[in-house]
């Protein structure tokens, strides 16, 4: 929306129709290398994923504690106090300690976790479900915890693969959406008032149509990328 507003401002830029075109050096921003830098920054920003691996680290350390003979609350508290987990989730140790002292279950602490990213909330819910399974049916807590940790690792790896896969299309979307705005910017850099570019009703109408089409293409491309990154679902039947 900011880009559209900037382009609309260029359309109503005050200028005199009879002013001569002044030549001037073209800024380095218009050189081909600028587009390459924009493309690279967009790819790096899109491929970046949240660092939520602490949930898997937490589950794996809990499994080690369970194998060593600790009960689930003691193993969870020891894991929450490990340096890596404590750095990423400082709230977990205090909440687990309060839960252990009051005799409440560990799963209640995970279910009532404070502000979390969606991936972290999903992973903690999976871990809590594994521990409830161990409590209700008597499954080996260490085994189900190890399986939950492996599932969390695989989910995170799949999210990273999806982010890398859509990084290129996202960068292309950003670059192609910005290209229509390069015309007015180039005119300003060479000394031509935008009022000279859009001094007729037909040119302004075409510019407005172009902005609307660019905004529509941006919205459509974002919708396609969101759909591509959406996790697949299945009801158990082959597709």
Foldseek 3Di string as FASTA:
>chain_A
DVLLVVLVCLLVFDDDQPDDFFFDDFDPCPDPVVLVVLLVVLLVVLLDDDPLLLLLQLLLQLLVVVVVPDDNLVSSLVSCPDVVNCVVCVPLNVLSVVCVVVVHDSLVCLQPDPDDDPLNNVLSNQLSVLVVCCVPVVDRSSVSSNVSSVVSVVVVVVLSVLSNVCSNVRSVLVSVLCVVVVVSVRSVSGPHRSCNQNVDPVSVVVSVVVSVVSVVSSVVSVVVSVVSSDDDDDPPDDD
